[in-house]
Amino acid sequence: MVEQGKSIEFALTATDDNNGIWHSLTSCKSPCNKSTGIAYPLPDGDFQFDSGQLGTTGYGARKDPVVGRRTWSTPPNTPVGTHTFFCRIHPLMRGSFRVKPKT
């Protein structure tokens, strides 16, 4: 849970990054499950966000399709409410976070 106007930081571990195991956080409508009629969620959350594929470039001798960083933070203008997300690389990985009003 985070107060409106603040951010939550998500971090890819160095171990995952070094082994080419990357992740993303992409918005999806709650409950972010098979309710869309397909096996995977859709990037269609009420508040649209996408971290890009977290990871650094240069794994091995190739250039990888990553954003070049291991962290992503929720935008500070994220509206109050519960926001669900999934990993585009591993669609069964899903989560949520809640933004509460400023006190």
Protein backbone atom coordinates (compact mmCIF):
# COMPACT_ATOMS: atom_id res chain seq x y z
CA MET A 1 0.00 0.00 0.00
CA VAL A 2 1.21 3.47 -0.84
CA GLU A 3 -0.15 6.94 -0.19
CA GLN A 4 -1.30 8.93 -3.23
CA GLY A 5 1.54 11.04 -4.64
CA LYS A 6 4.19 8.50 -3.60
CA SER A 7 5.62 5.52 -5.47
CA ILE A 8 6.34 1.86 -4.88
CA GLU A 9 9.60 0.59 -6.34
CA PHE A 10 9.79 -2.89 -7.85
CA ALA A 11 13.23 -4.41 -8.39
CA LEU A 12 14.56 -7.24 -10.52
CA THR A 13 17.20 -9.16 -8.60
CA ALA A 14 20.75 -9.13 -9.91
CA THR A 15 20.64 -12.94 -9.98
CA ASP A 16 17.60 -12.99 -12.26
CA ASP A 17 19.06 -10.25 -14.46
CA ASN A 18 22.44 -11.97 -14.74
CA ASN A 19 20.70 -15.20 -15.75
CA GLY A 20 18.47 -13.56 -18.36
CA ILE A 21 15.29 -13.97 -16.29
CA TRP A 22 13.45 -10.72 -16.85
CA HIS A 23 10.04 -9.46 -15.76
CA SER A 24 7.56 -6.68 -16.50
CA LEU A 25 4.67 -5.04 -14.68
CA THR A 26 1.78 -4.40 -17.07
CA SER A 27 -1.66 -3.17 -16.01
CA CYS A 28 -4.67 -5.46 -16.39
CA LYS A 29 -8.30 -5.23 -15.34
CA SER A 30 -9.11 -6.79 -12.00
CA PRO A 31 -9.20 -9.66 -11.26
CA CYS A 32 -6.51 -10.08 -13.97
CA ASN A 33 -7.31 -13.71 -14.62
CA LYS A 34 -9.10 -15.85 -17.20
CA SER A 35 -12.24 -13.69 -17.06
CA THR A 36 -11.28 -12.25 -20.47
CA GLY A 37 -12.08 -15.65 -21.99
CA ILE A 38 -8.47 -16.41 -22.83
CA ALA A 39 -5.68 -18.03 -20.85
CA TYR A 40 -3.65 -14.84 -20.37
CA PRO A 41 -4.50 -11.37 -19.12
CA LEU A 42 -4.73 -8.40 -21.45
CA PRO A 43 -2.76 -5.14 -20.94
CA ASP A 44 -5.96 -3.24 -20.26
CA GLY A 45 -5.99 -1.87 -16.73
CA ASP A 46 -8.15 1.11 -15.82
CA PHE A 47 -4.94 3.02 -15.09
CA GLN A 48 -2.57 2.03 -17.89
CA PHE A 49 1.07 1.37 -16.97
CA ASP A 50 3.88 -0.79 -18.23
CA SER A 51 7.39 -1.06 -16.83
CA GLY A 52 8.91 -2.42 -20.01
CA GLN A 53 11.00 -5.57 -19.79
CA LEU A 54 13.20 -5.01 -16.73
CA GLY A 55 16.81 -6.03 -17.21
CA THR A 56 20.14 -4.67 -18.33
CA THR A 57 21.70 -5.08 -21.75
CA GLY A 58 24.77 -7.09 -22.54
CA TYR A 59 23.80 -10.48 -21.12
CA GLY A 60 26.38 -12.72 -22.76
CA ALA A 61 27.52 -11.54 -26.18
CA ARG A 62 24.06 -10.47 -27.39
CA LYS A 63 21.95 -7.36 -26.94
CA ASP A 64 18.77 -8.21 -25.11
CA PRO A 65 15.26 -6.73 -25.49
CA VAL A 66 15.30 -5.02 -22.10
CA VAL A 67 14.92 -1.45 -20.85
CA GLY A 68 18.44 -1.28 -19.37
CA ARG A 69 17.44 -1.01 -15.71
CA ARG A 70 16.46 -3.34 -12.89
CA THR A 71 13.89 -1.13 -11.16
CA TRP A 72 10.55 0.46 -11.95
CA SER A 73 8.42 2.72 -9.75
CA THR A 74 4.71 3.33 -9.87
CA PRO A 75 3.96 6.79 -11.24
CA PRO A 76 3.30 9.35 -8.47
CA ASN A 77 0.03 10.32 -10.19
CA THR A 78 -1.41 6.80 -9.83
CA PRO A 79 -5.07 7.21 -8.85
CA VAL A 80 -6.47 6.01 -5.53
CA GLY A 81 -7.61 2.40 -5.71
CA THR A 82 -6.34 -1.13 -6.23
CA HIS A 83 -4.31 -1.71 -9.39
CA THR A 84 -3.63 -5.18 -10.78
CA PHE A 85 -0.74 -6.20 -13.01
CA PHE A 86 0.90 -9.19 -14.66
CA CYS A 87 4.29 -10.07 -16.12
CA ARG A 88 4.20 -10.14 -19.94
CA ILE A 89 7.10 -12.62 -19.97
CA HIS A 90 5.54 -14.91 -17.33
CA PRO A 91 1.76 -14.24 -17.61
CA LEU A 92 0.90 -16.45 -14.65
CA MET A 93 2.84 -14.04 -12.41
CA ARG A 94 0.31 -11.48 -11.24
CA GLY A 95 -0.07 -9.03 -8.42
CA SER A 96 -1.71 -5.87 -7.17
CA PHE A 97 -0.97 -2.76 -5.18
CA ARG A 98 -3.23 -0.26 -3.47
CA VAL A 99 -3.00 3.52 -3.50
CA LYS A 100 -4.71 5.19 -0.54
CA PRO A 101 -5.75 8.84 -0.25
CA LYS A 102 -3.35 11.29 1.38
CA THR A 103 -3.93 11.60 5.09
